[in-house]
N, C-alpha and C. Protein backbone atom coordinates (compact mmCIF):
# COMPACT_ATOMS: atom_id res chain seq x y z
N MET A 1 67.71 77.84 97.44
CA MET A 1 67.12 78.52 96.30
C MET A 1 66.35 77.31 95.61
N HIS A 2 65.11 77.60 95.24
CA HIS A 2 64.32 76.52 94.53
C HIS A 2 64.00 77.12 93.12
N ASP A 3 63.81 76.07 92.17
CA ASP A 3 63.45 76.47 90.82
C ASP A 3 62.13 77.58 90.75
N ASP A 4 61.35 77.35 91.64
CA ASP A 4 60.17 78.11 91.67
C ASP A 4 60.29 79.29 92.29
N ASP A 5 61.42 79.92 92.81
CA ASP A 5 61.75 80.95 93.41
C ASP A 5 61.49 82.19 92.47
N TYR A 6 62.01 81.87 91.07
CA TYR A 6 61.84 82.82 90.17
C TYR A 6 61.27 82.22 88.88
N PRO A 7 59.91 81.91 88.96
CA PRO A 7 59.31 81.08 87.83
C PRO A 7 59.08 81.89 86.61
N ASP A 8 59.14 83.37 86.71
CA ASP A 8 58.83 84.07 85.40
C ASP A 8 59.99 84.74 84.82
N LEU A 9 61.26 84.27 85.35
CA LEU A 9 62.37 84.85 84.89
C LEU A 9 63.19 84.17 83.92
N LEU A 10 63.96 83.07 84.22
CA LEU A 10 64.70 82.32 83.44
C LEU A 10 64.10 80.98 83.03
N GLY A 11 63.13 80.48 83.70
CA GLY A 11 62.81 79.11 83.37
C GLY A 11 63.46 78.11 84.19
N HIS A 12 62.56 76.97 84.34
CA HIS A 12 63.06 75.96 85.39
C HIS A 12 64.59 75.44 84.77
N GLU A 13 64.90 75.33 83.57
CA GLU A 13 66.01 74.92 82.91
C GLU A 13 67.25 75.76 83.39
N TRP A 14 66.89 76.89 83.77
CA TRP A 14 68.18 77.88 83.92
C TRP A 14 68.61 78.02 85.28
N ARG A 15 69.76 78.45 85.43
CA ARG A 15 70.42 78.75 86.73
C ARG A 15 71.13 80.20 86.79
N PHE A 16 71.14 80.74 87.80
CA PHE A 16 71.79 81.94 87.93
C PHE A 16 73.36 81.58 88.15
N PRO A 17 74.19 82.71 87.98
CA PRO A 17 75.78 82.43 87.87
C PRO A 17 76.08 82.22 89.50
N ARG A 18 77.05 81.25 89.42
CA ARG A 18 77.56 80.93 90.77
C ARG A 18 78.35 82.12 91.40
N THR A 19 78.57 82.17 92.58
CA THR A 19 79.55 83.22 93.18
C THR A 19 81.04 82.95 92.62
N ALA A 20 81.65 83.97 92.72
CA ALA A 20 82.98 84.03 91.88
C ALA A 20 84.04 83.17 92.40
N TRP A 21 83.86 82.74 93.68
CA TRP A 21 84.97 81.96 94.30
C TRP A 21 84.52 80.90 95.21
N ASP A 22 85.35 79.87 95.53
CA ASP A 22 85.09 79.15 96.81
C ASP A 22 85.77 79.57 97.89
N ASP A 23 85.16 80.24 98.86
CA ASP A 23 86.08 80.73 99.99
C ASP A 23 85.83 79.77 101.01
N ASP A 24 87.11 79.47 101.71
CA ASP A 24 86.97 78.41 102.75
C ASP A 24 86.51 79.04 104.09
N ASP A 25 86.33 80.28 104.10
CA ASP A 25 85.73 81.06 105.18
C ASP A 25 84.69 82.06 104.75
N PRO A 26 83.40 81.52 104.53
CA PRO A 26 82.39 82.35 104.15
C PRO A 26 82.08 83.57 104.86
N ALA A 27 82.47 83.56 106.07
CA ALA A 27 82.27 84.62 107.08
C ALA A 27 83.22 85.96 106.75
N ARG A 28 84.13 85.63 105.85
CA ARG A 28 85.06 86.58 105.47
C ARG A 28 85.26 86.63 103.82
N PRO A 29 84.16 86.99 103.24
CA PRO A 29 84.23 87.00 101.76
C PRO A 29 85.42 87.82 101.09
N ILE A 30 85.84 87.34 99.94
CA ILE A 30 86.83 88.11 99.28
C ILE A 30 86.39 89.57 99.16
N ASP A 31 87.42 90.46 99.03
CA ASP A 31 87.16 91.78 98.90
C ASP A 31 86.43 92.04 97.73
N GLU A 32 85.49 92.97 97.78
CA GLU A 32 84.71 93.42 96.39
C GLU A 32 85.49 93.84 95.35
N ARG A 33 86.61 94.67 95.59
CA ARG A 33 87.55 95.24 94.60
C ARG A 33 88.23 94.32 93.86
N LEU A 34 88.61 93.19 94.65
CA LEU A 34 89.59 92.10 94.02
C LEU A 34 88.61 91.42 93.17
N ALA A 35 87.37 91.08 93.61
CA ALA A 35 86.62 90.22 92.78
C ALA A 35 86.27 90.98 91.54
N LEU A 36 85.83 92.30 91.54
CA LEU A 36 85.61 93.09 90.48
C LEU A 36 86.70 93.09 89.24
N ILE A 37 87.86 93.32 89.83
CA ILE A 37 88.99 93.38 89.03
C ILE A 37 89.19 91.97 88.27
N THR A 38 89.13 90.98 89.09
CA THR A 38 89.24 89.56 88.43
C THR A 38 88.11 89.16 87.52
N LEU A 39 86.98 89.51 87.83
CA LEU A 39 85.81 89.28 86.84
C LEU A 39 85.81 89.91 85.57
N SER A 40 86.11 91.24 85.62
CA SER A 40 86.15 92.22 84.67
C SER A 40 87.33 91.83 83.56
N THR A 41 88.50 91.34 84.20
CA THR A 41 89.61 90.91 83.44
C THR A 41 89.18 89.54 82.64
N ARG A 42 88.46 88.71 83.41
CA ARG A 42 87.97 87.46 82.75
C ARG A 42 87.06 87.80 81.74
N ALA A 43 85.97 88.70 81.87
CA ALA A 43 85.10 89.02 80.93
C ALA A 43 85.91 89.59 79.64
N ALA A 44 86.84 90.53 79.77
CA ALA A 44 87.52 91.09 78.74
C ALA A 44 88.21 90.17 77.89
N GLY A 45 88.42 88.91 78.48
CA GLY A 45 89.26 87.95 77.68
C GLY A 45 88.59 87.00 76.89
N LEU A 46 87.15 86.95 77.00
CA LEU A 46 86.36 85.90 76.30
C LEU A 46 86.04 86.33 74.86
N PRO A 47 86.22 85.22 74.09
CA PRO A 47 86.15 85.56 72.46
C PRO A 47 84.72 85.70 72.30
N PRO A 48 84.59 86.31 71.00
CA PRO A 48 83.28 86.54 70.46
C PRO A 48 82.36 85.30 70.48
N ASP A 49 82.86 84.24 70.04
CA ASP A 49 81.93 82.92 69.85
C ASP A 49 81.35 82.59 71.20
N VAL A 50 82.03 82.88 72.34
CA VAL A 50 81.45 82.56 73.70
C VAL A 50 80.46 83.55 74.05
N LEU A 51 80.75 84.83 73.76
CA LEU A 51 79.92 85.95 74.10
C LEU A 51 78.51 85.77 73.26
N LEU A 52 78.65 85.33 72.30
CA LEU A 52 77.26 85.02 71.48
C LEU A 52 76.42 84.00 72.19
N ARG A 53 76.98 83.23 73.09
CA ARG A 53 76.03 82.36 73.83
C ARG A 53 75.04 83.16 74.65
N ALA A 54 75.30 84.42 74.90
CA ALA A 54 74.32 85.11 75.70
C ALA A 54 73.19 85.83 74.78
N TRP A 55 73.29 85.70 73.42
CA TRP A 55 72.42 86.37 72.40
C TRP A 55 70.95 86.45 72.93
N PRO A 56 70.34 85.24 73.59
CA PRO A 56 68.97 85.20 74.01
C PRO A 56 68.79 86.38 75.05
N PHE A 57 69.65 86.73 75.85
CA PHE A 57 69.44 87.66 76.88
C PHE A 57 69.72 89.22 76.84
N VAL A 58 70.09 89.52 75.47
CA VAL A 58 70.19 90.97 75.25
C VAL A 58 68.81 91.38 74.77
N ASP A 59 68.54 92.80 74.79
CA ASP A 59 67.30 93.37 74.61
C ASP A 59 67.01 93.04 73.19
N SER A 60 65.54 93.04 72.94
CA SER A 60 65.04 92.70 71.63
C SER A 60 65.61 93.58 70.41
N GLU A 61 65.80 94.90 70.54
CA GLU A 61 66.22 95.64 69.66
C GLU A 61 67.63 95.27 69.22
N THR A 62 68.55 94.92 70.20
CA THR A 62 69.96 94.58 69.96
C THR A 62 70.03 93.30 69.18
N SER A 63 69.16 92.38 69.90
CA SER A 63 69.08 91.12 69.22
C SER A 63 68.85 90.77 67.73
N ARG A 64 68.25 91.88 67.03
CA ARG A 64 67.95 91.96 65.68
C ARG A 64 69.10 92.58 64.72
N ARG A 65 70.18 92.96 65.65
CA ARG A 65 71.31 93.75 64.90
C ARG A 65 72.45 92.59 64.65
N PRO A 66 73.29 92.99 63.82
CA PRO A 66 74.58 92.08 63.63
C PRO A 66 75.19 91.51 64.89
N ALA A 67 75.84 90.44 64.68
CA ALA A 67 76.62 89.80 65.79
C ALA A 67 77.52 90.73 66.44
N ARG A 68 78.29 91.52 65.70
CA ARG A 68 79.22 92.42 66.46
C ARG A 68 78.55 93.40 67.30
N ALA A 69 77.25 93.64 67.08
CA ALA A 69 76.61 94.78 67.94
C ALA A 69 76.21 93.78 69.21
N VAL A 70 75.90 92.60 68.98
CA VAL A 70 75.48 91.58 70.11
C VAL A 70 76.72 91.59 70.95
N VAL A 71 77.78 91.10 70.44
CA VAL A 71 78.99 91.03 71.20
C VAL A 71 79.35 92.35 71.97
N ARG A 72 79.12 93.52 71.51
CA ARG A 72 79.41 94.81 72.19
C ARG A 72 78.60 94.90 73.24
N GLU A 73 77.26 94.52 73.02
CA GLU A 73 76.23 94.81 74.10
C GLU A 73 76.51 93.75 75.31
N VAL A 74 76.91 92.50 74.97
CA VAL A 74 77.20 91.50 75.93
C VAL A 74 78.40 91.93 76.80
N ARG A 75 79.39 92.37 76.21
CA ARG A 75 80.49 92.95 76.97
C ARG A 75 80.04 93.88 77.97
N ARG A 76 79.04 94.80 77.65
CA ARG A 76 78.77 95.88 78.46
C ARG A 76 77.87 95.19 79.56
N SER A 77 77.10 94.40 79.25
CA SER A 77 76.16 93.58 80.37
C SER A 77 77.24 92.94 81.38
N LEU A 78 78.28 92.34 80.82
CA LEU A 78 79.16 91.63 81.68
C LEU A 78 79.76 92.50 82.60
N GLY A 79 80.02 93.68 82.22
CA GLY A 79 80.65 94.78 83.12
C GLY A 79 79.74 95.03 84.27
N VAL A 80 78.47 95.26 83.85
CA VAL A 80 77.63 95.41 85.04
C VAL A 80 77.52 94.08 85.81
N ALA A 81 77.28 92.93 85.24
CA ALA A 81 77.23 91.71 85.93
C ALA A 81 78.35 91.44 86.95
N ALA A 82 79.49 91.76 86.48
CA ALA A 82 80.82 91.77 87.25
C ALA A 82 80.54 92.70 88.49
N GLN A 83 80.13 93.86 88.45
CA GLN A 83 79.91 94.59 89.49
C GLN A 83 78.83 93.99 90.56
N LEU A 84 77.92 93.54 89.96
CA LEU A 84 76.68 92.86 90.88
C LEU A 84 77.22 91.64 91.57
N ILE A 85 77.96 90.72 91.03
CA ILE A 85 78.53 89.50 91.52
C ILE A 85 79.47 89.86 92.63
N ALA A 86 80.38 90.97 92.44
CA ALA A 86 81.25 91.34 93.27
C ALA A 86 80.64 91.90 94.66
N GLU A 87 79.57 92.62 94.44
CA GLU A 87 78.84 93.22 95.57
C GLU A 87 78.09 92.18 96.44
N ALA A 88 77.61 91.21 95.67
CA ALA A 88 76.59 90.27 96.43
C ALA A 88 76.83 89.82 97.81
N PRO A 89 78.25 89.30 98.04
CA PRO A 89 78.48 88.88 99.40
C PRO A 89 78.64 89.77 100.36
N TRP A 90 78.69 91.31 99.98
CA TRP A 90 79.08 92.28 100.96
C TRP A 90 77.74 93.23 101.13
N GLY A 91 76.73 93.14 100.28
CA GLY A 91 75.58 94.01 100.39
C GLY A 91 75.84 95.50 100.27
N THR A 92 76.90 95.80 99.57
CA THR A 92 77.28 97.22 99.57
C THR A 92 76.58 97.89 98.44
N GLY A 93 76.00 97.30 97.60
CA GLY A 93 75.22 97.95 96.44
C GLY A 93 73.85 98.48 96.83
N PRO A 94 72.83 98.55 95.69
CA PRO A 94 71.61 98.83 96.01
C PRO A 94 70.69 97.77 96.79
N ARG A 95 71.27 96.54 97.08
CA ARG A 95 70.69 95.45 97.59
C ARG A 95 69.57 94.87 96.67
N VAL A 96 69.75 94.94 95.36
CA VAL A 96 68.84 94.25 94.37
C VAL A 96 69.31 92.73 94.14
N ILE A 97 70.56 92.34 94.59
CA ILE A 97 70.97 91.02 94.40
C ILE A 97 71.40 90.43 95.70
N THR A 98 71.51 89.35 95.72
CA THR A 98 71.92 88.51 97.19
C THR A 98 72.54 87.26 96.80
N VAL A 99 73.04 86.57 97.77
CA VAL A 99 73.62 85.10 97.49
C VAL A 99 72.57 84.19 98.19
N ALA A 100 72.29 83.09 97.32
CA ALA A 100 71.37 82.07 97.87
C ALA A 100 71.93 80.74 97.40
N ALA A 101 71.71 79.65 98.16
CA ALA A 101 72.12 78.48 97.79
C ALA A 101 71.02 77.47 97.26
N ASP A 102 71.55 76.68 96.37
CA ASP A 102 70.77 75.78 95.69
C ASP A 102 70.65 74.57 96.75
N PRO A 103 69.66 73.71 96.28
CA PRO A 103 69.52 72.44 97.28
C PRO A 103 70.77 71.73 97.60
N ASP A 104 71.66 71.73 96.49
CA ASP A 104 73.00 70.97 96.61
C ASP A 104 74.03 71.88 97.28
N GLY A 105 73.80 72.95 97.65
CA GLY A 105 74.54 73.72 98.36
C GLY A 105 75.39 74.87 97.43
N THR A 106 75.33 74.74 96.28
CA THR A 106 75.95 75.86 95.21
C THR A 106 75.21 77.15 95.65
N ARG A 107 76.28 78.18 95.71
CA ARG A 107 75.78 79.41 96.08
C ARG A 107 75.79 80.16 94.77
N ARG A 108 74.73 81.06 94.70
CA ARG A 108 74.51 81.64 93.51
C ARG A 108 74.17 83.19 93.65
N VAL A 109 74.39 83.95 92.75
CA VAL A 109 74.00 85.37 92.98
C VAL A 109 72.59 85.58 92.13
N VAL A 110 71.59 85.95 92.92
CA VAL A 110 70.22 86.05 92.32
C VAL A 110 69.71 87.33 92.69
N PRO A 111 68.60 87.67 92.21
CA PRO A 111 67.70 88.76 92.49
C PRO A 111 67.29 88.74 93.92
N THR A 112 67.25 89.87 94.69
CA THR A 112 66.80 89.58 96.02
C THR A 112 65.33 89.30 96.02
N SER A 113 65.02 88.34 96.96
CA SER A 113 63.59 87.79 97.02
C SER A 113 62.60 88.98 97.52
N GLY A 114 61.66 89.03 96.64
CA GLY A 114 60.61 90.07 96.99
C GLY A 114 60.81 91.41 96.57
N TRP A 115 62.05 91.64 95.82
CA TRP A 115 62.43 92.90 95.48
C TRP A 115 61.80 93.20 94.02
N GLU A 116 61.12 94.33 93.81
CA GLU A 116 60.32 94.62 92.53
C GLU A 116 60.81 95.98 92.19
N GLY A 117 61.00 96.21 91.01
CA GLY A 117 61.20 97.57 90.47
C GLY A 117 61.54 97.61 89.14
N PRO A 118 61.49 98.72 88.43
CA PRO A 118 61.65 98.91 87.04
C PRO A 118 62.85 98.27 86.38
N ASP A 119 63.85 98.05 87.24
CA ASP A 119 65.07 97.37 86.61
C ASP A 119 65.23 95.94 86.81
N ARG A 120 64.23 95.35 87.42
CA ARG A 120 64.41 94.01 87.77
C ARG A 120 64.62 93.03 86.61
N ASN A 121 63.96 93.24 85.53
CA ASN A 121 64.20 92.36 84.40
C ASN A 121 65.66 92.69 83.70
N ARG A 122 66.19 93.90 83.83
CA ARG A 122 67.38 94.33 83.41
C ARG A 122 68.53 93.73 84.22
N ILE A 123 68.26 93.39 85.62
CA ILE A 123 69.31 92.81 86.58
C ILE A 123 69.36 91.29 86.24
N VAL A 124 68.10 90.91 85.82
CA VAL A 124 68.07 89.39 85.60
C VAL A 124 68.89 89.06 84.36
N GLY A 125 68.67 90.11 83.27
CA GLY A 125 69.45 89.78 82.03
C GLY A 125 71.06 89.84 82.32
N TYR A 126 71.44 90.87 82.99
CA TYR A 126 72.80 90.88 83.35
C TYR A 126 73.39 89.55 83.83
N LEU A 127 72.79 89.20 84.90
CA LEU A 127 73.09 87.97 85.44
C LEU A 127 73.05 86.80 84.57
N ALA A 128 71.94 86.66 83.80
CA ALA A 128 71.69 85.69 82.69
C ALA A 128 72.81 85.56 81.73
N CYS A 129 73.29 86.87 81.29
CA CYS A 129 74.48 86.87 80.33
C CYS A 129 75.66 86.26 80.94
N ALA A 130 75.94 86.55 82.29
CA ALA A 130 77.11 86.02 82.82
C ALA A 130 77.19 84.66 83.16
N SER A 131 75.88 84.02 83.41
CA SER A 131 75.76 82.57 83.41
C SER A 131 75.92 81.93 82.02
N ALA A 132 75.26 82.52 81.03
CA ALA A 132 75.37 82.06 79.54
C ALA A 132 76.90 81.85 78.98
N VAL A 133 77.72 82.74 79.54
CA VAL A 133 79.14 82.73 79.01
C VAL A 133 80.01 82.00 80.19
N GLY A 134 79.39 81.49 80.98
CA GLY A 134 80.15 80.88 82.19
C GLY A 134 81.22 81.66 82.87
N LEU A 135 80.85 82.86 83.19
CA LEU A 135 81.82 83.84 83.82
C LEU A 135 82.55 83.36 85.14
N THR A 136 81.48 82.68 85.78
CA THR A 136 82.02 82.23 86.99
C THR A 136 82.14 80.68 87.27
N ASP A 137 81.77 79.92 86.09
CA ASP A 137 81.79 78.57 86.19
C ASP A 137 83.24 78.01 86.83
N THR A 138 84.32 78.66 86.56
CA THR A 138 85.57 78.27 87.25
C THR A 138 85.82 79.31 88.33
N ALA A 139 85.95 78.61 89.57
CA ALA A 139 85.99 79.36 90.72
C ALA A 139 87.38 80.21 90.66
N VAL A 140 87.26 81.40 91.15
CA VAL A 140 88.56 82.16 91.44
C VAL A 140 89.33 81.65 92.63
N ASP A 141 90.63 81.49 92.45
CA ASP A 141 91.43 81.01 93.55
C ASP A 141 91.80 82.35 94.35
N ILE A 142 91.26 82.61 95.54
CA ILE A 142 91.52 84.00 96.13
C ILE A 142 92.68 84.02 96.81
N ARG A 143 93.42 82.83 96.85
CA ARG A 143 94.73 82.89 97.69
C ARG A 143 95.76 83.74 96.93
N TRP A 144 95.80 83.87 95.50
CA TRP A 144 96.73 84.66 94.79
C TRP A 144 96.34 85.86 94.28
N LEU A 145 95.19 86.19 94.52
CA LEU A 145 94.85 87.53 93.85
C LEU A 145 95.58 88.69 94.25
N PRO A 146 95.87 89.05 95.36
CA PRO A 146 96.46 90.29 95.65
C PRO A 146 97.84 90.23 95.11
N LEU A 147 98.69 89.11 95.10
CA LEU A 147 99.81 88.98 94.49
C LEU A 147 99.92 89.12 93.04
N GLU A 148 98.90 88.49 92.42
CA GLU A 148 98.99 88.49 91.12
C GLU A 148 98.62 89.97 90.52
N GLN A 149 97.70 90.81 91.41
CA GLN A 149 97.52 92.13 90.95
C GLN A 149 98.67 93.10 91.30
N ALA A 150 99.42 92.73 92.12
CA ALA A 150 100.74 93.49 92.61
C ALA A 150 101.75 93.27 91.47
N ALA A 151 101.68 91.98 90.94
CA ALA A 151 102.60 91.60 89.84
C ALA A 151 102.15 92.45 88.56
N THR A 152 101.00 92.61 88.43
CA THR A 152 100.64 93.34 87.13
C THR A 152 100.68 94.86 87.36
N ASN A 153 100.44 95.33 88.39
CA ASN A 153 100.50 96.62 88.79
C ASN A 153 101.45 96.80 90.08
N PRO A 154 102.82 96.83 89.61
CA PRO A 154 103.94 96.77 90.79
C PRO A 154 103.58 98.09 91.90
N PRO A 155 103.62 97.83 93.11
CA PRO A 155 103.48 98.84 94.14
C PRO A 155 104.53 99.71 94.12
N SER A 156 105.69 99.57 93.34
CA SER A 156 106.76 100.49 93.29
C SER A 156 107.15 100.48 91.86
N GLU A 157 107.31 101.60 91.18
CA GLU A 157 107.54 101.68 89.82
C GLU A 157 109.05 101.49 89.73
N HIS A 158 109.96 101.74 90.79
CA HIS A 158 111.34 101.55 90.74
C HIS A 158 111.82 100.21 91.10
N GLY A 159 111.05 99.39 91.67
CA GLY A 159 111.47 98.17 92.14
C GLY A 159 111.36 97.08 91.11
N PRO A 160 111.84 95.89 91.34
CA PRO A 160 111.62 94.81 90.31
C PRO A 160 110.30 94.33 90.25
N ARG A 161 110.08 93.81 89.07
CA ARG A 161 108.74 93.27 88.85
C ARG A 161 108.56 92.01 89.69
N LEU A 162 107.46 91.74 90.22
CA LEU A 162 107.04 90.52 91.15
C LEU A 162 106.75 89.37 90.12
N ASP A 163 107.30 88.13 90.50
CA ASP A 163 107.02 86.84 89.84
C ASP A 163 106.22 86.10 90.80
N PRO A 164 104.85 85.90 90.67
CA PRO A 164 104.25 85.07 91.54
C PRO A 164 104.72 83.61 91.70
N GLY A 165 105.44 83.30 90.73
CA GLY A 165 106.08 81.91 90.92
C GLY A 165 107.19 81.79 91.79
N GLU A 166 107.61 82.87 92.29
CA GLU A 166 108.69 82.88 93.19
C GLU A 166 108.17 82.79 94.66
N PHE A 167 106.84 82.70 94.73
CA PHE A 167 106.27 82.91 96.22
C PHE A 167 105.45 81.59 96.60
N MET A 168 105.48 81.35 98.01
CA MET A 168 104.75 80.44 98.61
C MET A 168 103.46 81.27 99.24
N PHE A 169 102.32 80.74 99.21
CA PHE A 169 101.15 81.19 99.84
C PHE A 169 101.16 80.82 101.28
N MET A 170 101.07 81.54 102.33
CA MET A 170 101.30 81.02 103.66
C MET A 170 100.03 81.39 104.48
N GLY A 171 98.89 81.75 103.89
CA GLY A 171 97.83 81.98 104.70
C GLY A 171 97.37 83.50 104.75
N THR A 172 96.26 83.75 105.34
CA THR A 172 95.82 85.15 105.83
C THR A 172 95.75 85.37 107.24
N THR A 173 95.69 86.54 107.63
CA THR A 173 95.59 87.05 108.84
C THR A 173 94.97 88.51 109.00
N ASP A 174 94.78 89.05 110.12
CA ASP A 174 94.09 90.31 110.20
C ASP A 174 95.05 91.33 110.77
N ALA A 175 95.12 92.45 110.28
CA ALA A 175 95.75 93.63 110.69
C ALA A 175 94.81 94.43 111.54
N PRO A 176 95.18 95.36 112.31
CA PRO A 176 94.53 96.33 112.99
C PRO A 176 93.39 96.87 112.24
N GLY A 177 92.27 97.03 112.77
CA GLY A 177 91.07 97.56 111.94
C GLY A 177 90.28 96.33 111.16
N GLN A 178 90.57 95.22 111.35
CA GLN A 178 90.00 94.13 110.59
C GLN A 178 90.35 94.09 109.14
N ILE A 179 91.51 94.52 108.89
CA ILE A 179 92.20 94.49 107.45
C ILE A 179 92.57 93.16 107.19
N ARG A 180 92.09 92.67 106.24
CA ARG A 180 92.51 91.18 105.86
C ARG A 180 93.87 91.27 105.17
N LEU A 181 94.91 90.32 105.42
CA LEU A 181 96.19 90.40 104.77
C LEU A 181 96.48 89.05 104.29
N TRP A 182 97.03 88.91 103.06
CA TRP A 182 97.45 87.83 102.56
C TRP A 182 99.06 87.72 102.41
N LEU A 183 99.48 86.54 103.04
CA LEU A 183 100.98 86.41 103.41
C LEU A 183 101.69 85.64 102.39
N TYR A 184 102.74 85.99 101.70
CA TYR A 184 103.41 85.33 100.85
C TYR A 184 105.03 85.26 101.23
N LYS A 185 105.58 84.20 101.09
CA LYS A 185 106.94 84.03 101.32
C LYS A 185 107.76 83.70 100.18
N HIS A 186 108.84 84.42 99.93
CA HIS A 186 109.74 84.36 98.62
C HIS A 186 110.60 83.08 98.99
N THR A 187 110.52 82.31 97.83
CA THR A 187 111.26 80.94 98.05
C THR A 187 112.63 80.93 98.15
N ASP A 188 113.45 81.96 97.67
CA ASP A 188 114.68 82.10 97.79
C ASP A 188 115.19 82.98 98.99
N THR A 189 114.68 84.14 99.27
CA THR A 189 115.03 85.00 100.52
C THR A 189 114.40 84.62 101.57
N ARG A 190 113.25 83.96 101.68
CA ARG A 190 112.51 83.69 102.79
C ARG A 190 111.92 84.79 103.40
N ALA A 191 111.93 86.06 102.67
CA ALA A 191 111.39 87.19 103.05
C ALA A 191 109.69 87.25 102.76
N TYR A 192 109.02 87.81 103.62
CA TYR A 192 107.58 87.77 103.50
C TYR A 192 107.18 89.00 102.74
N LEU A 193 106.15 88.89 101.98
CA LEU A 193 105.36 90.12 101.32
C LEU A 193 104.06 90.02 101.79
N ASN A 194 103.53 90.77 102.49
CA ASN A 194 102.23 90.82 103.24
C ASN A 194 101.22 91.91 102.54
N LEU A 195 100.25 91.49 102.00
CA LEU A 195 99.52 92.42 100.93
C LEU A 195 97.89 92.62 101.43
N ASP A 196 97.50 93.68 101.46
CA ASP A 196 96.13 93.88 101.83
C ASP A 196 95.31 93.78 100.32
N ALA A 197 93.97 93.94 100.43
CA ALA A 197 93.17 93.93 99.26
C ALA A 197 93.48 94.93 98.22
N GLU A 198 93.96 96.11 98.75
CA GLU A 198 94.49 97.02 97.76
C GLU A 198 96.01 96.73 97.24
N CYS A 199 96.42 95.68 97.56
CA CYS A 199 97.69 95.21 97.20
C CYS A 199 98.77 95.99 97.79
N TRP A 200 98.71 96.74 98.97
CA TRP A 200 99.55 97.61 99.61
C TRP A 200 100.33 96.66 100.52
N PRO A 201 101.74 96.82 100.68
CA PRO A 201 102.44 95.84 101.54
C PRO A 201 102.47 96.43 102.92
N TRP A 202 102.30 95.39 103.85
CA TRP A 202 102.39 95.67 105.41
C TRP A 202 103.70 94.83 105.85
N ARG A 203 104.29 95.43 107.01
CA ARG A 203 105.41 94.74 107.63
C ARG A 203 104.80 94.20 108.99
N TYR A 204 105.39 93.20 109.39
CA TYR A 204 105.12 92.61 110.74
C TYR A 204 105.98 93.29 111.80
N GLN A 205 105.58 93.48 112.95
CA GLN A 205 106.29 94.21 114.07
C GLN A 205 106.33 93.16 115.10
N PRO A 206 107.49 92.63 115.20
CA PRO A 206 107.76 91.58 116.32
C PRO A 206 107.45 92.09 117.59
N ALA A 207 107.71 93.19 117.90
CA ALA A 207 107.57 93.74 119.49
C ALA A 207 106.26 93.86 119.83
N THR A 208 105.25 94.06 118.92
CA THR A 208 103.81 93.95 119.21
C THR A 208 103.04 92.86 118.69
N GLY A 209 103.63 92.15 117.94
CA GLY A 209 102.90 90.83 117.22
C GLY A 209 101.73 91.43 116.30
N THR A 210 101.79 92.68 115.78
CA THR A 210 100.89 93.17 114.73
C THR A 210 101.44 93.56 113.42
N TYR A 211 100.66 94.02 112.55
CA TYR A 211 101.09 94.49 111.32
C TYR A 211 100.92 95.88 111.16
N ALA A 212 101.80 96.65 110.32
CA ALA A 212 101.42 98.05 110.02
C ALA A 212 101.91 98.21 108.52
N PRO A 213 101.23 99.21 107.81
CA PRO A 213 101.49 99.31 106.31
C PRO A 213 102.86 100.03 106.19
N HIS A 214 103.54 99.56 105.14
CA HIS A 214 104.75 100.37 104.80
C HIS A 214 104.47 101.58 104.24
N ASP A 215 105.31 102.82 104.65
CA ASP A 215 105.22 103.98 104.22
C ASP A 215 105.48 104.19 102.64
N ASP A 216 106.56 103.22 102.30
CA ASP A 216 106.86 103.20 100.95
C ASP A 216 106.93 101.80 100.61
N PRO A 217 106.21 101.43 99.60
CA PRO A 217 106.14 100.20 99.14
C PRO A 217 107.52 99.47 98.54
N ALA A 218 108.37 100.36 98.26
CA ALA A 218 109.70 100.05 97.72
C ALA A 218 110.52 99.36 98.76
N ASP A 219 110.21 99.61 100.13
CA ASP A 219 110.93 98.93 101.17
C ASP A 219 110.63 97.49 101.10
N ALA A 220 109.33 97.11 100.96
CA ALA A 220 108.73 95.78 101.05
C ALA A 220 109.49 95.06 99.89
N ILE A 221 109.59 95.61 98.66
CA ILE A 221 110.09 94.96 97.45
C ILE A 221 111.62 94.80 97.71
N ALA A 222 112.46 95.81 98.41
CA ALA A 222 113.82 95.68 98.55
C ALA A 222 114.13 94.40 99.45
N ALA A 223 113.30 94.24 100.43
CA ALA A 223 113.41 93.06 101.34
C ALA A 223 113.45 91.80 100.62
N LEU A 224 112.93 91.70 99.38
CA LEU A 224 112.71 90.62 98.63
C LEU A 224 113.99 90.12 97.94
N ARG A 225 114.98 91.07 97.87
CA ARG A 225 116.05 90.77 96.87
C ARG A 225 117.11 90.01 97.61
N LEU A 226 117.82 89.12 96.90
CA LEU A 226 118.80 88.29 97.44
C LEU A 226 119.98 89.26 97.87
N PRO A 227 120.78 88.78 98.82
CA PRO A 227 121.95 89.62 99.23
C PRO A 227 122.88 89.73 98.14
N ALA A 228 123.79 90.48 98.07
CA ALA A 228 124.86 90.63 97.07
C ALA A 228 125.72 89.47 97.09
N GLY A 229 125.95 88.75 95.97
CA GLY A 229 126.78 87.57 95.93
C GLY A 229 126.23 86.12 96.13
N VAL A 230 124.91 86.23 96.45
CA VAL A 230 124.25 84.97 96.86
C VAL A 230 123.41 84.55 95.52
N GLU A 231 123.64 83.42 95.03
CA GLU A 231 122.88 82.94 93.96
C GLU A 231 121.40 82.52 94.22
N ARG A 232 120.65 82.57 93.12
CA ARG A 232 119.28 82.08 93.39
C ARG A 232 119.21 80.51 93.72
N GLY A 233 118.55 80.09 94.77
CA GLY A 233 118.35 78.78 95.11
C GLY A 233 119.48 78.42 96.28
N ALA A 234 120.35 79.26 96.67
CA ALA A 234 121.15 79.05 97.87
C ALA A 234 120.48 79.15 98.96
N ASP A 235 120.88 78.13 100.12
CA ASP A 235 120.29 78.19 101.30
C ASP A 235 120.63 79.36 102.09
N ILE A 236 119.87 80.53 102.24
CA ILE A 236 120.30 81.48 103.11
C ILE A 236 119.67 81.53 104.44
N GLY A 237 118.98 80.45 104.79
CA GLY A 237 118.38 80.38 106.14
C GLY A 237 116.99 81.04 106.04
N ARG A 238 116.26 80.75 107.19
CA ARG A 238 114.73 81.21 107.16
C ARG A 238 114.80 82.36 107.95
């Protein structure tokens, strides 16, 4: 992507937002849902003084209103921007945005080259707001997203809450149907918790060497508990 690709949009001094994560396997981008949840949560946590950095990119009518109205509009714009940034690597949306690389290799979310339409300037405004507040300046660590989401929204209402600090990340693998799984090992029980992008747990089947989803997520949570009488930190074997 070169500065003159979009000469009439943001100016030579501007850059579109980075993609949300540094993925070590670009052929398998992070699941769109996880990206959207993470970016939306990040945007919701931004304080008003940061959001006001996007003041130049709200529409002219809003820009003349009090700061609180600008903050409200920027929050709305960031919600749309989060969706666009999450969709970009997958091409699942209306294909008005795509991912392009700067000369230095930085991958950014940009309007699709050659696309014209009545909403083009609005799309640019959403992306500009995201860049102005640094929504994706800090890359998302995709290794822990499913576990962090499962800890926030437990897969079983009856099971204990998950503490990501009690797990080790062991990598990713594919389940049947090209479903990506994130593998976590509990530091005390050595039991595995294998989660898909929907944070649903899967069990390993030694007989076939494949994975299958748990019928009841409580089963996966139960396997993480220490045996009765065993203290945390005890060596119970691998």
